[in-house]
């Protein structure tokens, strides 16, 4: 298991005219995703569902409440938000390498009336558009495999000014410099845990899973060199790979 978490991002949540501005709509989207079935169908159950964009292996990680699949509650929330018949959510943009995950998510969302159209993009084009903050319509699949800790992941994906941040919330932003200046580990942990709790409560995104990389090893391989570098999903170091004699 690597440190690459995948999630669905709602860039329109800061637009008062968008349905995604309503917390209940974002909560409904979270409740409508059957992550366990998606995991079984696409990755043989290999992914870790931790309901956070922070990998469990990162320092200061806070375990949020478990992800729940509850389409009935999702429909109730949509109706309470003024969308009893759902709404047109626009494009669901995704890196084409992971359009299978996005396609499954599109299907689940449509079952409660969140109607979106899958728009796969070539990986380099998607990465460029994501970084340049051009994916402002609809929703999209986001991910990060960057090494670091909870603070660095929040800095790049949640806090104002982050490389992958389309909008932010002041109460979370205000906590970030406090944790950076805090020298007491316990106090810093408390601040970072509060930030993670707020991210979850605001449903800024819909976490999907920590991505599993499925690898196969042939009968002639002795030492495959998989997992020797913590968090690195590929075969490495190459010089450690061995081949069995014939």
C-alpha atoms as a PDB file:
ATOM      1  CA  UNK A   1       0.000   0.000   0.000  1.00  0.00           C
ATOM      2  CA  UNK A   2       1.384   3.381  -1.007  1.00  0.00           C
ATOM      3  CA  UNK A   3       0.608   6.880   0.196  1.00  0.00           C
ATOM      4  CA  UNK A   4      -1.504   7.809  -2.849  1.00  0.00           C
ATOM      5  CA  UNK A   5      -4.984   8.777  -1.720  1.00  0.00           C
ATOM      6  CA  UNK A   6      -7.805   9.331  -4.222  1.00  0.00           C
ATOM      7  CA  UNK A   7     -10.848  11.521  -3.738  1.00  0.00           C
ATOM      8  CA  UNK A   8     -13.587  13.432  -5.530  1.00  0.00           C
ATOM      9  CA  UNK A   9     -13.211  17.187  -5.358  1.00  0.00           C
ATOM     10  CA  UNK A  10     -16.058  19.722  -5.465  1.00  0.00           C
ATOM     11  CA  UNK A  11     -14.492  22.926  -6.859  1.00  0.00           C
ATOM     12  CA  UNK A  12     -17.885  24.649  -7.100  1.00  0.00           C
ATOM     13  CA  UNK A  13     -18.516  24.478  -3.352  1.00  0.00           C
ATOM     14  CA  UNK A  14     -17.328  28.073  -2.943  1.00  0.00           C
ATOM     15  CA  UNK A  15     -19.841  29.327  -5.548  1.00  0.00           C
ATOM     16  CA  UNK A  16     -23.088  30.332  -3.758  1.00  0.00           C
ATOM     17  CA  UNK A  17     -25.034  29.664  -6.973  1.00  0.00           C
ATOM     18  CA  UNK A  18     -23.885  26.052  -7.239  1.00  0.00           C
ATOM     19  CA  UNK A  19     -25.711  23.092  -5.633  1.00  0.00           C
ATOM     20  CA  UNK A  20     -22.308  21.982  -4.339  1.00  0.00           C
ATOM     21  CA  UNK A  21     -22.230  25.073  -2.121  1.00  0.00           C
ATOM     22  CA  UNK A  22     -24.741  23.318   0.143  1.00  0.00           C
ATOM     23  CA  UNK A  23     -23.031  21.044   2.668  1.00  0.00           C
ATOM     24  CA  UNK A  24     -25.929  18.589   2.475  1.00  0.00           C
ATOM     25  CA  UNK A  25     -25.289  18.008  -1.221  1.00  0.00           C
ATOM     26  CA  UNK A  26     -21.633  17.195  -0.591  1.00  0.00           C
ATOM     27  CA  UNK A  27     -22.627  14.921   2.281  1.00  0.00           C
ATOM     28  CA  UNK A  28     -25.139  13.191  -0.007  1.00  0.00           C
ATOM     29  CA  UNK A  29     -22.431  12.522  -2.586  1.00  0.00           C
ATOM     30  CA  UNK A  30     -20.264  10.951   0.122  1.00  0.00           C
ATOM     31  CA  UNK A  31     -23.111   8.710   1.263  1.00  0.00           C
ATOM     32  CA  UNK A  32     -23.930   7.531  -2.246  1.00  0.00           C
ATOM     33  CA  UNK A  33     -20.526   5.976  -2.989  1.00  0.00           C
ATOM     34  CA  UNK A  34     -20.244   2.263  -2.236  1.00  0.00           C
ATOM     35  CA  UNK A  35     -16.484   2.275  -1.807  1.00  0.00           C
ATOM     36  CA  UNK A  36     -16.299  -1.356  -0.723  1.00  0.00           C
ATOM     37  CA  UNK A  37     -17.990  -2.606  -3.898  1.00  0.00           C
ATOM     38  CA  UNK A  38     -15.882  -0.278  -6.057  1.00  0.00           C
ATOM     39  CA  UNK A  39     -12.767  -1.575  -4.343  1.00  0.00           C
ATOM     40  CA  UNK A  40     -13.731  -5.213  -4.897  1.00  0.00           C
ATOM     41  CA  UNK A  41     -14.691  -4.670  -8.530  1.00  0.00           C
ATOM     42  CA  UNK A  42     -11.677  -2.604  -9.564  1.00  0.00           C
ATOM     43  CA  UNK A  43      -8.843  -3.631  -7.217  1.00  0.00           C
ATOM     44  CA  UNK A  44      -9.873  -7.032  -5.823  1.00  0.00           C
ATOM     45  CA  UNK A  45     -10.384  -5.324  -2.469  1.00  0.00           C
ATOM     46  CA  UNK A  46      -6.749  -4.255  -2.285  1.00  0.00           C
ATOM     47  CA  UNK A  47      -7.289  -0.559  -1.613  1.00  0.00           C
ATOM     48  CA  UNK A  48      -7.421   0.809   1.933  1.00  0.00           C
ATOM     49  CA  UNK A  49     -10.586   2.784   2.628  1.00  0.00           C
ATOM     50  CA  UNK A  50      -9.697   5.259   5.358  1.00  0.00           C
ATOM     51  CA  UNK A  51     -12.196   8.056   4.504  1.00  0.00           C
ATOM     52  CA  UNK A  52      -9.497  10.729   4.373  1.00  0.00           C
ATOM     53  CA  UNK A  53      -7.196  12.344   1.849  1.00  0.00           C
ATOM     54  CA  UNK A  54      -4.409  11.775   4.412  1.00  0.00           C
ATOM     55  CA  UNK A  55      -2.741   8.331   4.256  1.00  0.00           C
ATOM     56  CA  UNK A  56      -2.889   6.309   7.457  1.00  0.00           C
ATOM     57  CA  UNK A  57       0.906   6.035   7.415  1.00  0.00           C
ATOM     58  CA  UNK A  58       1.430   9.808   7.681  1.00  0.00           C
ATOM     59  CA  UNK A  59       2.499  11.396  10.937  1.00  0.00           C
ATOM     60  CA  UNK A  60      -0.384  13.225  12.694  1.00  0.00           C
ATOM     61  CA  UNK A  61      -3.035  11.256  10.757  1.00  0.00           C
ATOM     62  CA  UNK A  62      -6.456  11.375  12.410  1.00  0.00           C
ATOM     63  CA  UNK A  63      -8.873   8.526  11.806  1.00  0.00           C
ATOM     64  CA  UNK A  64     -12.215  10.034  10.723  1.00  0.00           C
ATOM     65  CA  UNK A  65     -15.547   8.264  11.087  1.00  0.00           C
ATOM     66  CA  UNK A  66     -15.769   5.308   8.679  1.00  0.00           C
ATOM     67  CA  UNK A  67     -17.230   5.848   5.230  1.00  0.00           C
ATOM     68  CA  UNK A  68     -20.902   4.892   5.047  1.00  0.00           C
ATOM     69  CA  UNK A  69     -22.957   3.823   2.015  1.00  0.00           C
ATOM     70  CA  UNK A  70     -26.523   5.038   2.596  1.00  0.00           C
ATOM     71  CA  UNK A  71     -28.387   6.048  -0.607  1.00  0.00           C
ATOM     72  CA  UNK A  72     -31.658   6.568   1.274  1.00  0.00           C
ATOM     73  CA  UNK A  73     -30.047   9.153   3.555  1.00  0.00           C
ATOM     74  CA  UNK A  74     -28.366  10.695   0.511  1.00  0.00           C
ATOM     75  CA  UNK A  75     -31.767  11.239  -1.116  1.00  0.00           C
ATOM     76  CA  UNK A  76     -33.112  12.777   2.096  1.00  0.00           C
ATOM     77  CA  UNK A  77     -30.234  15.247   2.203  1.00  0.00           C
ATOM     78  CA  UNK A  78     -30.703  16.203  -1.443  1.00  0.00           C
ATOM     79  CA  UNK A  79     -34.407  16.785  -0.871  1.00  0.00           C
ATOM     80  CA  UNK A  80     -33.677  18.895   2.218  1.00  0.00           C
ATOM     81  CA  UNK A  81     -31.245  20.942   0.150  1.00  0.00           C
ATOM     82  CA  UNK A  82     -33.986  21.652  -2.405  1.00  0.00           C
ATOM     83  CA  UNK A  83     -33.144  18.966  -4.957  1.00  0.00           C
ATOM     84  CA  UNK A  84     -35.730  16.191  -4.514  1.00  0.00           C
ATOM     85  CA  UNK A  85     -35.285  15.207  -8.159  1.00  0.00           C
ATOM     86  CA  UNK A  86     -31.534  15.672  -8.159  1.00  0.00           C
ATOM     87  CA  UNK A  87     -29.681  18.112 -10.385  1.00  0.00           C
ATOM     88  CA  UNK A  88     -27.375  18.318 -13.379  1.00  0.00           C
ATOM     89  CA  UNK A  89     -23.870  18.366 -11.926  1.00  0.00           C
ATOM     90  CA  UNK A  90     -21.960  18.943 -15.160  1.00  0.00           C
ATOM     91  CA  UNK A  91     -18.722  17.143 -16.029  1.00  0.00           C
ATOM     92  CA  UNK A  92     -16.912  14.607 -13.897  1.00  0.00           C
ATOM     93  CA  UNK A  93     -13.364  15.101 -15.137  1.00  0.00           C
ATOM     94  CA  UNK A  94     -10.803  12.389 -14.557  1.00  0.00           C
ATOM     95  CA  UNK A  95      -7.344  11.303 -15.500  1.00  0.00           C
ATOM     96  CA  UNK A  96      -8.102   8.673 -18.145  1.00  0.00           C
ATOM     97  CA  UNK A  97      -5.788   6.213 -16.379  1.00  0.00           C
ATOM     98  CA  UNK A  98      -8.370   6.049 -13.599  1.00  0.00           C
ATOM     99  CA  UNK A  99     -11.545   6.568 -15.589  1.00  0.00           C
ATOM    100  CA  UNK A 100     -12.739   3.172 -14.319  1.00  0.00           C
ATOM    101  CA  UNK A 101     -13.007   4.558 -10.780  1.00  0.00           C
ATOM    102  CA  UNK A 102     -14.635   7.727 -12.073  1.00  0.00           C
ATOM    103  CA  UNK A 103     -17.109   5.758 -14.184  1.00  0.00           C
ATOM    104  CA  UNK A 104     -18.202   3.740 -11.164  1.00  0.00           C
ATOM    105  CA  UNK A 105     -18.604   6.931  -9.123  1.00  0.00           C
ATOM    106  CA  UNK A 106     -20.661   8.560 -11.898  1.00  0.00           C
ATOM    107  CA  UNK A 107     -23.000   5.571 -11.896  1.00  0.00           C
ATOM    108  CA  UNK A 108     -23.501   5.676  -8.128  1.00  0.00           C
ATOM    109  CA  UNK A 109     -24.103   9.439  -8.082  1.00  0.00           C
ATOM    110  CA  UNK A 110     -26.690   9.212 -10.857  1.00  0.00           C
ATOM    111  CA  UNK A 111     -28.667   6.686  -8.813  1.00  0.00           C
ATOM    112  CA  UNK A 112     -29.651   9.471  -6.399  1.00  0.00           C
ATOM    113  CA  UNK A 113     -30.109  12.091  -9.117  1.00  0.00           C
ATOM    114  CA  UNK A 114     -26.667  13.722  -9.164  1.00  0.00           C
ATOM    115  CA  UNK A 115     -26.356  13.621 -12.934  1.00  0.00           C
ATOM    116  CA  UNK A 116     -22.838  14.117 -14.257  1.00  0.00           C
ATOM    117  CA  UNK A 117     -21.013  13.156 -17.428  1.00  0.00           C
ATOM    118  CA  UNK A 118     -17.645  11.437 -17.368  1.00  0.00           C
ATOM    119  CA  UNK A 119     -14.964  13.472 -19.138  1.00  0.00           C
ATOM    120  CA  UNK A 120     -11.688  11.510 -19.280  1.00  0.00           C
ATOM    121  CA  UNK A 121      -8.523  13.464 -20.065  1.00  0.00           C
ATOM    122  CA  UNK A 122      -5.073  12.270 -21.083  1.00  0.00           C
ATOM    123  CA  UNK A 123      -2.906  12.190 -17.961  1.00  0.00           C
ATOM    124  CA  UNK A 124      -0.533  15.044 -18.809  1.00  0.00           C
ATOM    125  CA  UNK A 125      -3.420  17.285 -19.898  1.00  0.00           C
ATOM    126  CA  UNK A 126      -5.356  16.486 -16.731  1.00  0.00           C
ATOM    127  CA  UNK A 127      -2.355  17.145 -14.483  1.00  0.00           C
ATOM    128  CA  UNK A 128      -1.759  20.477 -16.199  1.00  0.00           C
ATOM    129  CA  UNK A 129      -5.402  21.538 -15.938  1.00  0.00           C
ATOM    130  CA  UNK A 130      -5.550  20.446 -12.281  1.00  0.00           C
ATOM    131  CA  UNK A 131      -2.413  22.370 -11.334  1.00  0.00           C
ATOM    132  CA  UNK A 132      -3.459  25.451 -13.323  1.00  0.00           C
ATOM    133  CA  UNK A 133      -6.850  25.368 -11.535  1.00  0.00           C
ATOM    134  CA  UNK A 134      -8.821  25.139 -14.776  1.00  0.00           C
ATOM    135  CA  UNK A 135     -11.165  22.352 -13.600  1.00  0.00           C
ATOM    136  CA  UNK A 136     -13.702  24.766 -12.155  1.00  0.00           C
ATOM    137  CA  UNK A 137     -16.918  23.213 -13.539  1.00  0.00           C
ATOM    138  CA  UNK A 138     -18.597  20.142 -12.137  1.00  0.00           C
ATOM    139  CA  UNK A 139     -16.454  17.769 -10.102  1.00  0.00           C
ATOM    140  CA  UNK A 140     -13.267  15.824 -10.677  1.00  0.00           C
ATOM    141  CA  UNK A 141     -11.142  12.966  -9.432  1.00  0.00           C
ATOM    142  CA  UNK A 142      -8.214  14.277  -7.418  1.00  0.00           C
ATOM    143  CA  UNK A 143      -5.250  12.407  -5.988  1.00  0.00           C
ATOM    144  CA  UNK A 144      -1.854  12.840  -4.422  1.00  0.00           C
ATOM    145  CA  UNK A 145       0.982  10.387  -4.052  1.00  0.00           C
ATOM    146  CA  UNK A 146       3.383  12.921  -2.575  1.00  0.00           C
ATOM    147  CA  UNK A 147       5.499  11.871   0.384  1.00  0.00           C
ATOM    148  CA  UNK A 148       5.386  13.970   3.562  1.00  0.00           C
ATOM    149  CA  UNK A 149       3.128  14.167   6.584  1.00  0.00           C
ATOM    150  CA  UNK A 150      -0.352  15.384   7.420  1.00  0.00           C
ATOM    151  CA  UNK A 151       0.733  19.022   7.434  1.00  0.00           C
ATOM    152  CA  UNK A 152       2.283  18.863   3.973  1.00  0.00           C
ATOM    153  CA  UNK A 153      -0.784  17.114   2.489  1.00  0.00           C
ATOM    154  CA  UNK A 154      -3.090  19.736   4.029  1.00  0.00           C
ATOM    155  CA  UNK A 155      -0.814  22.503   2.746  1.00  0.00           C
ATOM    156  CA  UNK A 156      -1.018  21.323  -0.854  1.00  0.00           C
ATOM    157  CA  UNK A 157      -4.644  20.171  -0.983  1.00  0.00           C
ATOM    158  CA  UNK A 158      -6.699  22.067   1.641  1.00  0.00           C
ATOM    159  CA  UNK A 159      -5.103  25.295   2.885  1.00  0.00           C
ATOM    160  CA  UNK A 160      -5.372  28.579   0.984  1.00  0.00           C
ATOM    161  CA  UNK A 161      -2.573  29.015  -1.533  1.00  0.00           C
ATOM    162  CA  UNK A 162      -1.924  25.286  -1.881  1.00  0.00           C
ATOM    163  CA  UNK A 163      -0.854  23.970  -5.261  1.00  0.00           C
ATOM    164  CA  UNK A 164      -4.051  21.903  -5.622  1.00  0.00           C
ATOM    165  CA  UNK A 165      -6.490  24.145  -3.736  1.00  0.00           C
ATOM    166  CA  UNK A 166      -9.423  25.735  -5.573  1.00  0.00           C
ATOM    167  CA  UNK A 167     -10.912  27.379  -2.496  1.00  0.00           C
ATOM    168  CA  UNK A 168     -10.547  27.236   1.266  1.00  0.00           C
ATOM    169  CA  UNK A 169     -12.202  27.913   4.619  1.00  0.00           C
ATOM    170  CA  UNK A 170     -10.889  30.576   6.962  1.00  0.00           C
ATOM    171  CA  UNK A 171     -11.231  28.513  10.153  1.00  0.00           C
ATOM    172  CA  UNK A 172      -8.977  25.832   8.664  1.00  0.00           C
ATOM    173  CA  UNK A 173      -6.563  28.350   7.128  1.00  0.00           C
ATOM    174  CA  UNK A 174      -6.105  30.094  10.477  1.00  0.00           C
ATOM    175  CA  UNK A 175      -5.008  26.868  12.157  1.00  0.00           C
ATOM    176  CA  UNK A 176      -2.256  26.044   9.695  1.00  0.00           C
ATOM    177  CA  UNK A 177       0.335  28.645  10.811  1.00  0.00           C
ATOM    178  CA  UNK A 178      -0.442  27.773  14.436  1.00  0.00           C
ATOM    179  CA  UNK A 179       0.580  24.151  13.951  1.00  0.00           C
ATOM    180  CA  UNK A 180       3.672  25.221  12.005  1.00  0.00           C
ATOM    181  CA  UNK A 181       4.852  27.409  14.903  1.00  0.00           C
ATOM    182  CA  UNK A 182       3.950  24.927  17.649  1.00  0.00           C
ATOM    183  CA  UNK A 183       6.986  23.210  19.214  1.00  0.00           C
ATOM    184  CA  UNK A 184       5.038  20.988  21.596  1.00  0.00           C
ATOM    185  CA  UNK A 185       4.297  17.723  19.697  1.00  0.00           C
ATOM    186  CA  UNK A 186       1.082  17.072  21.607  1.00  0.00           C
ATOM    187  CA  UNK A 187      -0.259  20.559  20.948  1.00  0.00           C
ATOM    188  CA  UNK A 188       0.712  20.365  17.281  1.00  0.00           C
ATOM    189  CA  UNK A 189      -1.010  17.008  17.013  1.00  0.00           C
ATOM    190  CA  UNK A 190      -4.190  18.499  18.507  1.00  0.00           C
ATOM    191  CA  UNK A 191      -4.194  21.357  15.981  1.00  0.00           C
ATOM    192  CA  UNK A 192      -3.668  19.058  13.004  1.00  0.00           C
ATOM    193  CA  UNK A 193      -6.365  16.703  14.260  1.00  0.00           C
ATOM    194  CA  UNK A 194      -8.773  19.626  14.512  1.00  0.00           C
ATOM    195  CA  UNK A 195      -7.949  20.631  10.937  1.00  0.00           C
ATOM    196  CA  UNK A 196      -8.664  17.115   9.720  1.00  0.00           C
ATOM    197  CA  UNK A 197     -11.927  17.026  11.660  1.00  0.00           C
ATOM    198  CA  UNK A 198     -13.040  20.266  10.017  1.00  0.00           C
ATOM    199  CA  UNK A 199     -12.148  18.929   6.570  1.00  0.00           C
ATOM    200  CA  UNK A 200     -14.367  15.937   7.239  1.00  0.00           C
ATOM    201  CA  UNK A 201     -17.239  17.939   8.745  1.00  0.00           C
ATOM    202  CA  UNK A 202     -17.281  20.355   5.823  1.00  0.00           C
ATOM    203  CA  UNK A 203     -17.191  17.477   3.313  1.00  0.00           C
ATOM    204  CA  UNK A 204     -14.661  19.418   1.258  1.00  0.00           C
ATOM    205  CA  UNK A 205     -14.159  16.265  -0.748  1.00  0.00           C
ATOM    206  CA  UNK A 206     -15.333  12.677  -0.997  1.00  0.00           C
ATOM    207  CA  UNK A 207     -12.377  10.450  -0.073  1.00  0.00           C
ATOM    208  CA  UNK A 208     -12.342   7.168  -1.973  1.00  0.00           C
ATOM    209  CA  UNK A 209      -9.315   5.138  -0.865  1.00  0.00           C
ATOM    210  CA  UNK A 210      -5.594   4.730  -0.511  1.00  0.00           C
ATOM    211  CA  UNK A 211      -4.759   3.288  -3.895  1.00  0.00           C
ATOM    212  CA  UNK A 212      -3.490  -0.274  -4.132  1.00  0.00           C
ATOM    213  CA  UNK A 213      -0.907  -1.167  -6.743  1.00  0.00           C
ATOM    214  CA  UNK A 214      -1.450  -4.760  -7.801  1.00  0.00           C
ATOM    215  CA  UNK A 215       1.789  -6.480  -8.760  1.00  0.00           C
ATOM    216  CA  UNK A 216       2.453  -9.908 -10.194  1.00  0.00           C
ATOM    217  CA  UNK A 217       5.682 -11.875  -9.805  1.00  0.00           C
ATOM    218  CA  UNK A 218       6.671 -14.616 -12.227  1.00  0.00           C
ATOM    219  CA  UNK A 219       8.057 -18.021 -11.195  1.00  0.00           C
ATOM    220  CA  UNK A 220      11.624 -17.112 -12.219  1.00  0.00           C
ATOM    221  CA  UNK A 221      11.797 -14.114  -9.893  1.00  0.00           C
ATOM    222  CA  UNK A 222      13.650 -14.673  -6.657  1.00  0.00           C
ATOM    223  CA  UNK A 223      13.606 -11.334  -4.840  1.00  0.00           C
ATOM    224  CA  UNK A 224      11.068  -8.993  -6.524  1.00  0.00           C
ATOM    225  CA  UNK A 225      12.182  -5.977  -4.469  1.00  0.00           C
ATOM    226  CA  UNK A 226       8.599  -4.893  -3.825  1.00  0.00           C
ATOM    227  CA  UNK A 227       7.882  -2.939  -0.650  1.00  0.00           C
ATOM    228  CA  UNK A 228      11.514  -2.363   0.260  1.00  0.00           C
ATOM    229  CA  UNK A 229      10.995   1.385   0.093  1.00  0.00           C
ATOM    230  CA  UNK A 230       8.103   2.332   2.378  1.00  0.00           C
ATOM    231  CA  UNK A 231       5.239   3.914   0.444  1.00  0.00           C
ATOM    232  CA  UNK A 232       6.872   3.268  -2.950  1.00  0.00           C
ATOM    233  CA  UNK A 233       4.518   1.095  -5.048  1.00  0.00           C
ATOM    234  CA  UNK A 234       6.964   0.005  -7.724  1.00  0.00           C
ATOM    235  CA  UNK A 235       9.861  -2.437  -7.919  1.00  0.00           C
ATOM    236  CA  UNK A 236      12.933  -0.867  -6.336  1.00  0.00           C
ATOM    237  CA  UNK A 237      15.825  -0.830  -5.802  1.00  0.00           C
ATOM    238  CA  UNK A 238      16.441  -2.563  -9.125  1.00  0.00           C
ATOM    239  CA  UNK A 239      19.859  -3.807  -8.029  1.00  0.00           C
ATOM    240  CA  UNK A 240      18.203  -5.955  -5.362  1.00  0.00           C
ATOM    241  CA  UNK A 241      16.076  -7.930  -7.824  1.00  0.00           C
ATOM    242  CA  UNK A 242      17.200 -11.527  -8.260  1.00  0.00           C
ATOM    243  CA  UNK A 243      16.342 -14.203 -10.808  1.00  0.00           C
ATOM    244  CA  UNK A 244      16.175 -17.875  -9.987  1.00  0.00           C
ATOM    245  CA  UNK A 245      18.482 -20.238 -11.791  1.00  0.00           C
ATOM    246  CA  UNK A 246      17.016 -22.374 -14.546  1.00  0.00           C
END
